[in-house]
Amino acid sequence: MLTLISLPAFDDNYIWVLHDDHHAIAVDPGDPAPLIAFLDTHRLGLTAVLVTHHHRDHTGGNLVLRQRYECAIYAPDNPRIPGATHPLRGGDAVTLAEPALHLDVLATPGHTLDHISYVGHGYLFCGDTVFGCGCGKL
């Protein structure tokens, strides 16, 4: 069973954490501190980071997290994204063993030209494409 947690970051952002009580993935960890605190408190290993676009409030934790957890970093195919290990485009997929997860990658340009979203298991991680009261600061 997967559990989804939102961790507040900065003044107006969230880091999404999906875990199975042993292993976790994080989506858009711009600030690594709240994520590391959560993972340490819950004794979770970070296996992957999913990035939706190149802005620093979504990528700022990549290098620290990659060094600390040796995790994979899935991100849009853009050389400006630090630490990316798996460049993605719309139509690709991400399949992980721990936690057991398969997500399809959607091209969702608008907020940025390289923006991607991840969908699967009843979840949509859409970064800055869709907000509760509008569309991604277009």
N, C-alpha and C. Protein backbone atom coordinates (compact mmCIF):
# COMPACT_ATOMS: atom_id res chain seq x y z
N MET A 1 0.84 -1.18 0.00
CA MET A 1 0.00 0.00 0.00
C MET A 1 0.89 1.25 0.00
N LEU A 2 0.53 2.20 -0.82
CA LEU A 2 1.29 3.45 -0.91
C LEU A 2 0.59 4.55 -0.13
N THR A 3 1.40 5.39 0.52
CA THR A 3 0.89 6.53 1.27
C THR A 3 1.46 7.79 0.66
N LEU A 4 0.61 8.79 0.45
CA LEU A 4 1.03 10.07 -0.10
C LEU A 4 1.02 11.13 0.99
N ILE A 5 2.14 11.85 1.11
CA ILE A 5 2.31 12.90 2.11
C ILE A 5 2.72 14.19 1.40
N SER A 6 2.19 15.32 1.84
CA SER A 6 2.66 16.61 1.33
C SER A 6 3.48 17.29 2.42
N LEU A 7 4.67 17.74 2.04
CA LEU A 7 5.54 18.47 2.96
C LEU A 7 5.62 19.92 2.51
N PRO A 8 5.24 20.87 3.36
CA PRO A 8 5.36 22.28 2.99
C PRO A 8 6.83 22.65 2.73
N ALA A 9 7.02 23.46 1.70
CA ALA A 9 8.36 23.95 1.37
C ALA A 9 8.25 25.40 0.94
N PHE A 10 9.24 26.20 1.33
CA PHE A 10 9.23 27.62 1.02
C PHE A 10 7.93 28.24 1.54
N ASP A 11 7.45 29.31 0.92
CA ASP A 11 6.22 29.96 1.39
C ASP A 11 4.97 29.41 0.73
N ASP A 12 5.12 28.83 -0.45
CA ASP A 12 3.93 28.49 -1.24
C ASP A 12 4.10 27.22 -2.07
N ASN A 13 4.83 26.25 -1.55
CA ASN A 13 5.11 25.07 -2.35
C ASN A 13 4.99 23.83 -1.50
N TYR A 14 4.99 22.66 -2.15
CA TYR A 14 4.96 21.38 -1.47
C TYR A 14 5.94 20.43 -2.13
N ILE A 15 6.46 19.53 -1.32
CA ILE A 15 7.19 18.37 -1.80
C ILE A 15 6.26 17.19 -1.55
N TRP A 16 6.01 16.42 -2.59
CA TRP A 16 5.14 15.26 -2.44
C TRP A 16 6.00 14.03 -2.20
N VAL A 17 5.62 13.22 -1.22
CA VAL A 17 6.34 12.00 -0.88
C VAL A 17 5.36 10.83 -0.96
N LEU A 18 5.71 9.85 -1.75
CA LEU A 18 4.92 8.64 -1.89
C LEU A 18 5.77 7.50 -1.34
N HIS A 19 5.24 6.75 -0.35
CA HIS A 19 6.06 5.71 0.28
C HIS A 19 5.25 4.46 0.61
N ASP A 20 6.00 3.39 0.84
CA ASP A 20 5.39 2.10 1.19
C ASP A 20 5.78 1.65 2.60
N ASP A 21 6.16 2.56 3.45
CA ASP A 21 6.63 2.33 4.83
C ASP A 21 8.09 1.91 4.91
N HIS A 22 8.73 1.71 3.76
CA HIS A 22 10.16 1.36 3.74
C HIS A 22 10.94 2.24 2.76
N HIS A 23 10.36 2.42 1.58
CA HIS A 23 11.02 3.17 0.51
C HIS A 23 10.10 4.31 0.05
N ALA A 24 10.73 5.39 -0.39
CA ALA A 24 9.96 6.56 -0.79
C ALA A 24 10.48 7.14 -2.10
N ILE A 25 9.58 7.86 -2.77
CA ILE A 25 9.96 8.74 -3.86
C ILE A 25 9.52 10.14 -3.46
N ALA A 26 10.19 11.14 -4.00
CA ALA A 26 9.82 12.53 -3.73
C ALA A 26 9.60 13.24 -5.06
N VAL A 27 8.64 14.12 -5.08
CA VAL A 27 8.33 14.89 -6.29
C VAL A 27 8.65 16.36 -6.02
N ASP A 28 9.52 16.91 -6.86
CA ASP A 28 9.88 18.33 -6.85
C ASP A 28 10.44 18.82 -5.51
N PRO A 29 11.50 18.19 -5.02
CA PRO A 29 12.07 18.62 -3.73
C PRO A 29 13.01 19.82 -3.88
N GLY A 30 12.44 20.99 -3.99
CA GLY A 30 13.25 22.19 -4.13
C GLY A 30 14.08 22.50 -2.90
N ASP A 31 13.58 22.17 -1.74
CA ASP A 31 14.30 22.35 -0.48
C ASP A 31 14.48 20.97 0.14
N PRO A 32 15.71 20.48 0.23
CA PRO A 32 15.89 19.12 0.73
C PRO A 32 15.66 18.96 2.23
N ALA A 33 15.75 20.03 3.02
CA ALA A 33 15.69 19.92 4.48
C ALA A 33 14.41 19.28 5.01
N PRO A 34 13.21 19.73 4.61
CA PRO A 34 12.02 19.08 5.17
C PRO A 34 11.88 17.63 4.72
N LEU A 35 12.36 17.33 3.53
CA LEU A 35 12.29 15.95 3.05
C LEU A 35 13.24 15.05 3.84
N ILE A 36 14.46 15.48 4.05
CA ILE A 36 15.42 14.69 4.81
C ILE A 36 14.90 14.47 6.24
N ALA A 37 14.35 15.50 6.85
CA ALA A 37 13.80 15.36 8.20
C ALA A 37 12.67 14.32 8.22
N PHE A 38 11.79 14.37 7.24
CA PHE A 38 10.68 13.41 7.17
C PHE A 38 11.20 11.99 6.97
N LEU A 39 12.13 11.82 6.03
CA LEU A 39 12.67 10.49 5.75
C LEU A 39 13.39 9.92 6.98
N ASP A 40 14.18 10.75 7.65
CA ASP A 40 14.89 10.29 8.84
C ASP A 40 13.93 9.92 9.97
N THR A 41 12.93 10.76 10.20
CA THR A 41 11.96 10.50 11.26
C THR A 41 11.20 9.19 11.03
N HIS A 42 10.87 8.92 9.77
CA HIS A 42 10.07 7.73 9.45
C HIS A 42 10.92 6.55 8.97
N ARG A 43 12.24 6.73 9.02
CA ARG A 43 13.18 5.67 8.62
C ARG A 43 12.88 5.12 7.25
N LEU A 44 12.76 6.03 6.30
CA LEU A 44 12.49 5.67 4.91
C LEU A 44 13.73 5.89 4.05
N GLY A 45 13.95 5.02 3.11
CA GLY A 45 15.00 5.22 2.13
C GLY A 45 14.42 5.91 0.90
N LEU A 46 15.14 6.85 0.36
CA LEU A 46 14.70 7.56 -0.84
C LEU A 46 15.28 6.85 -2.06
N THR A 47 14.42 6.31 -2.90
CA THR A 47 14.89 5.58 -4.08
C THR A 47 14.87 6.43 -5.34
N ALA A 48 13.99 7.43 -5.39
CA ALA A 48 13.90 8.24 -6.61
C ALA A 48 13.33 9.61 -6.32
N VAL A 49 13.72 10.55 -7.16
CA VAL A 49 13.17 11.89 -7.19
C VAL A 49 12.54 12.08 -8.56
N LEU A 50 11.34 12.62 -8.58
CA LEU A 50 10.66 12.95 -9.83
C LEU A 50 10.58 14.47 -9.92
N VAL A 51 11.07 15.02 -11.01
CA VAL A 51 11.08 16.47 -11.22
C VAL A 51 10.14 16.80 -12.37
N THR A 52 9.34 17.85 -12.20
CA THR A 52 8.40 18.23 -13.25
C THR A 52 8.94 19.30 -14.20
N HIS A 53 9.84 20.17 -13.70
CA HIS A 53 10.41 21.20 -14.57
C HIS A 53 11.65 21.80 -13.92
N HIS A 54 12.33 22.66 -14.65
CA HIS A 54 13.67 23.09 -14.28
C HIS A 54 13.77 24.20 -13.22
N HIS A 55 12.70 24.79 -12.77
CA HIS A 55 12.81 25.88 -11.80
C HIS A 55 13.42 25.40 -10.48
N ARG A 56 14.22 26.28 -9.88
CA ARG A 56 14.98 25.92 -8.68
C ARG A 56 14.10 25.50 -7.50
N ASP A 57 12.89 26.05 -7.39
CA ASP A 57 12.02 25.64 -6.28
C ASP A 57 11.51 24.20 -6.45
N HIS A 58 11.87 23.57 -7.57
CA HIS A 58 11.53 22.17 -7.81
C HIS A 58 12.77 21.29 -7.92
N THR A 59 13.93 21.88 -8.15
CA THR A 59 15.16 21.12 -8.38
C THR A 59 16.26 21.38 -7.36
N GLY A 60 16.07 22.33 -6.46
CA GLY A 60 17.13 22.77 -5.55
C GLY A 60 17.70 21.69 -4.65
N GLY A 61 16.95 20.63 -4.38
CA GLY A 61 17.45 19.57 -3.52
C GLY A 61 18.10 18.42 -4.25
N ASN A 62 18.07 18.43 -5.57
CA ASN A 62 18.54 17.27 -6.34
C ASN A 62 19.93 16.78 -5.95
N LEU A 63 20.90 17.66 -5.95
CA LEU A 63 22.28 17.24 -5.73
C LEU A 63 22.50 16.72 -4.31
N VAL A 64 21.94 17.40 -3.33
CA VAL A 64 22.07 16.96 -1.93
C VAL A 64 21.42 15.58 -1.75
N LEU A 65 20.25 15.40 -2.32
CA LEU A 65 19.53 14.14 -2.17
C LEU A 65 20.23 13.01 -2.91
N ARG A 66 20.73 13.30 -4.10
CA ARG A 66 21.45 12.27 -4.87
C ARG A 66 22.70 11.82 -4.11
N GLN A 67 23.41 12.76 -3.53
CA GLN A 67 24.61 12.41 -2.79
C GLN A 67 24.28 11.62 -1.52
N ARG A 68 23.26 12.04 -0.81
CA ARG A 68 22.93 11.41 0.47
C ARG A 68 22.31 10.02 0.31
N TYR A 69 21.42 9.86 -0.70
CA TYR A 69 20.66 8.61 -0.83
C TYR A 69 21.03 7.78 -2.06
N GLU A 70 21.89 8.31 -2.93
CA GLU A 70 22.24 7.64 -4.18
C GLU A 70 20.98 7.27 -4.97
N CYS A 71 20.00 8.15 -4.95
CA CYS A 71 18.73 7.90 -5.61
C CYS A 71 18.78 8.31 -7.08
N ALA A 72 17.90 7.73 -7.86
CA ALA A 72 17.73 8.13 -9.26
C ALA A 72 16.97 9.45 -9.30
N ILE A 73 17.27 10.26 -10.28
CA ILE A 73 16.54 11.52 -10.46
C ILE A 73 15.98 11.54 -11.88
N TYR A 74 14.65 11.44 -11.94
CA TYR A 74 13.92 11.47 -13.20
C TYR A 74 13.47 12.91 -13.44
N ALA A 75 13.71 13.41 -14.65
CA ALA A 75 13.44 14.82 -14.92
C ALA A 75 13.25 15.05 -16.41
N PRO A 76 12.65 16.19 -16.75
CA PRO A 76 12.56 16.52 -18.17
C PRO A 76 13.96 16.53 -18.80
N ASP A 77 14.01 16.21 -20.06
CA ASP A 77 15.27 16.19 -20.80
C ASP A 77 15.74 17.62 -21.01
N ASN A 78 16.44 18.16 -20.00
CA ASN A 78 16.88 19.54 -20.01
C ASN A 78 18.21 19.60 -19.24
N PRO A 79 19.30 20.02 -19.89
CA PRO A 79 20.60 20.03 -19.21
C PRO A 79 20.69 21.00 -18.04
N ARG A 80 19.72 21.90 -17.88
CA ARG A 80 19.73 22.84 -16.75
C ARG A 80 19.29 22.20 -15.44
N ILE A 81 18.81 20.96 -15.48
CA ILE A 81 18.31 20.31 -14.27
C ILE A 81 19.48 19.57 -13.62
N PRO A 82 19.88 20.02 -12.42
CA PRO A 82 21.05 19.41 -11.76
C PRO A 82 20.78 17.98 -11.31
N GLY A 83 21.78 17.12 -11.52
CA GLY A 83 21.73 15.77 -10.98
C GLY A 83 20.84 14.78 -11.70
N ALA A 84 20.18 15.19 -12.77
CA ALA A 84 19.26 14.28 -13.46
C ALA A 84 20.00 13.04 -13.96
N THR A 85 19.45 11.88 -13.66
CA THR A 85 20.03 10.61 -14.11
C THR A 85 19.19 9.95 -15.19
N HIS A 86 17.93 10.31 -15.28
CA HIS A 86 17.02 9.70 -16.24
C HIS A 86 16.22 10.81 -16.94
N PRO A 87 16.69 11.31 -18.08
CA PRO A 87 15.95 12.35 -18.81
C PRO A 87 14.69 11.76 -19.44
N LEU A 88 13.61 12.51 -19.34
CA LEU A 88 12.30 12.03 -19.80
C LEU A 88 11.63 13.00 -20.76
N ARG A 89 10.75 12.43 -21.57
CA ARG A 89 9.88 13.21 -22.45
C ARG A 89 8.47 12.61 -22.34
N GLY A 90 7.48 13.37 -22.78
CA GLY A 90 6.13 12.84 -22.81
C GLY A 90 6.09 11.54 -23.59
N GLY A 91 5.34 10.56 -23.07
CA GLY A 91 5.24 9.25 -23.70
C GLY A 91 6.15 8.22 -23.04
N ASP A 92 7.13 8.68 -22.24
CA ASP A 92 7.98 7.77 -21.49
C ASP A 92 7.22 7.25 -20.27
N ALA A 93 7.85 6.36 -19.53
CA ALA A 93 7.27 5.83 -18.30
C ALA A 93 8.38 5.66 -17.27
N VAL A 94 7.99 5.69 -16.01
CA VAL A 94 8.90 5.44 -14.89
C VAL A 94 8.37 4.22 -14.16
N THR A 95 9.21 3.19 -14.06
CA THR A 95 8.84 1.98 -13.32
C THR A 95 9.88 1.74 -12.25
N LEU A 96 9.42 1.65 -11.01
CA LEU A 96 10.30 1.45 -9.87
C LEU A 96 9.93 0.17 -9.15
N ALA A 97 10.96 -0.50 -8.59
CA ALA A 97 10.72 -1.71 -7.81
C ALA A 97 10.38 -1.38 -6.36
N GLU A 98 11.03 -0.32 -5.82
CA GLU A 98 10.83 0.06 -4.42
C GLU A 98 10.69 1.55 -4.31
N PRO A 99 9.54 2.07 -3.98
CA PRO A 99 8.27 1.35 -3.85
C PRO A 99 7.78 0.90 -5.22
N ALA A 100 7.01 -0.16 -5.25
CA ALA A 100 6.48 -0.70 -6.50
C ALA A 100 5.56 0.34 -7.14
N LEU A 101 5.97 0.85 -8.29
CA LEU A 101 5.28 2.00 -8.86
C LEU A 101 5.51 2.07 -10.36
N HIS A 102 4.47 2.35 -11.10
CA HIS A 102 4.60 2.62 -12.54
C HIS A 102 3.84 3.92 -12.83
N LEU A 103 4.54 4.89 -13.39
CA LEU A 103 3.92 6.17 -13.73
C LEU A 103 4.18 6.49 -15.20
N ASP A 104 3.16 6.95 -15.89
CA ASP A 104 3.32 7.42 -17.26
C ASP A 104 3.73 8.88 -17.22
N VAL A 105 4.51 9.30 -18.19
CA VAL A 105 5.00 10.67 -18.28
C VAL A 105 4.21 11.40 -19.36
N LEU A 106 3.64 12.54 -18.99
CA LEU A 106 2.87 13.37 -19.91
C LEU A 106 3.62 14.66 -20.19
N ALA A 107 3.69 15.06 -21.44
CA ALA A 107 4.22 16.39 -21.77
C ALA A 107 3.13 17.39 -21.43
N THR A 108 3.45 18.36 -20.56
CA THR A 108 2.47 19.36 -20.15
C THR A 108 3.11 20.76 -20.21
N PRO A 109 3.55 21.17 -21.41
CA PRO A 109 4.17 22.49 -21.53
C PRO A 109 3.17 23.60 -21.25
N GLY A 110 3.68 24.72 -20.86
CA GLY A 110 2.84 25.88 -20.55
C GLY A 110 3.55 26.73 -19.54
N HIS A 111 3.64 26.24 -18.32
CA HIS A 111 4.40 26.95 -17.27
C HIS A 111 5.86 27.08 -17.70
N THR A 112 6.40 25.99 -18.23
CA THR A 112 7.69 25.98 -18.92
C THR A 112 7.53 25.08 -20.14
N LEU A 113 8.39 25.25 -21.12
CA LEU A 113 8.29 24.44 -22.33
C LEU A 113 8.63 22.97 -22.08
N ASP A 114 9.46 22.70 -21.07
CA ASP A 114 9.89 21.32 -20.81
C ASP A 114 9.08 20.64 -19.71
N HIS A 115 8.03 21.24 -19.24
CA HIS A 115 7.25 20.72 -18.12
C HIS A 115 6.67 19.34 -18.45
N ILE A 116 6.82 18.40 -17.50
CA ILE A 116 6.19 17.10 -17.62
C ILE A 116 5.39 16.81 -16.36
N SER A 117 4.46 15.88 -16.47
CA SER A 117 3.67 15.43 -15.33
C SER A 117 3.75 13.91 -15.27
N TYR A 118 3.47 13.36 -14.11
CA TYR A 118 3.53 11.92 -13.88
C TYR A 118 2.14 11.47 -13.44
N VAL A 119 1.64 10.38 -14.04
CA VAL A 119 0.30 9.90 -13.70
C VAL A 119 0.32 8.37 -13.56
N GLY A 120 -0.37 7.89 -12.52
CA GLY A 120 -0.50 6.46 -12.29
C GLY A 120 -0.92 6.18 -10.86
N HIS A 121 -1.46 4.99 -10.64
CA HIS A 121 -1.90 4.56 -9.30
C HIS A 121 -2.91 5.52 -8.69
N GLY A 122 -3.65 6.22 -9.53
CA GLY A 122 -4.64 7.17 -9.03
C GLY A 122 -4.08 8.53 -8.67
N TYR A 123 -2.82 8.78 -8.99
CA TYR A 123 -2.17 10.05 -8.66
C TYR A 123 -1.80 10.80 -9.93
N LEU A 124 -1.80 12.13 -9.83
CA LEU A 124 -1.29 13.01 -10.87
C LEU A 124 -0.35 14.00 -10.20
N PHE A 125 0.92 13.95 -10.57
CA PHE A 125 1.91 14.91 -10.07
C PHE A 125 2.17 15.87 -11.21
N CYS A 126 1.58 17.07 -11.10
CA CYS A 126 1.55 17.99 -12.24
C CYS A 126 2.36 19.25 -12.03
N GLY A 127 3.20 19.28 -10.98
CA GLY A 127 4.09 20.42 -10.79
C GLY A 127 3.34 21.73 -10.78
N ASP A 128 3.73 22.62 -11.67
CA ASP A 128 3.11 23.95 -11.76
C ASP A 128 2.20 24.08 -12.98
N THR A 129 1.60 22.99 -13.40
CA THR A 129 0.70 23.04 -14.54
C THR A 129 -0.73 23.33 -14.12
N VAL A 130 -1.19 22.71 -13.06
CA VAL A 130 -2.56 22.87 -12.59
C VAL A 130 -2.55 23.20 -11.10
N PHE A 131 -3.29 24.22 -10.72
CA PHE A 131 -3.45 24.59 -9.31
C PHE A 131 -4.93 24.44 -8.95
N GLY A 132 -5.22 24.42 -7.68
CA GLY A 132 -6.59 24.25 -7.22
C GLY A 132 -7.54 25.32 -7.75
N CYS A 133 -7.03 26.49 -8.03
CA CYS A 133 -7.90 27.58 -8.48
C CYS A 133 -7.42 28.17 -9.80
N GLY A 134 -6.79 27.36 -10.63
CA GLY A 134 -6.36 27.89 -11.92
C GLY A 134 -5.28 27.06 -12.55
N CYS A 135 -4.69 27.63 -13.55
CA CYS A 135 -3.64 26.95 -14.30
C CYS A 135 -2.32 27.64 -14.12
N GLY A 136 -1.32 26.91 -13.76
CA GLY A 136 0.07 27.16 -13.60
C GLY A 136 0.72 28.50 -13.88
N LYS A 137 0.18 29.59 -13.38
CA LYS A 137 0.87 30.87 -13.50
C LYS A 137 1.33 31.14 -14.93
N LEU A 138 0.47 30.88 -15.88
CA LEU A 138 0.83 31.06 -17.29
C LEU A 138 0.89 32.52 -17.67
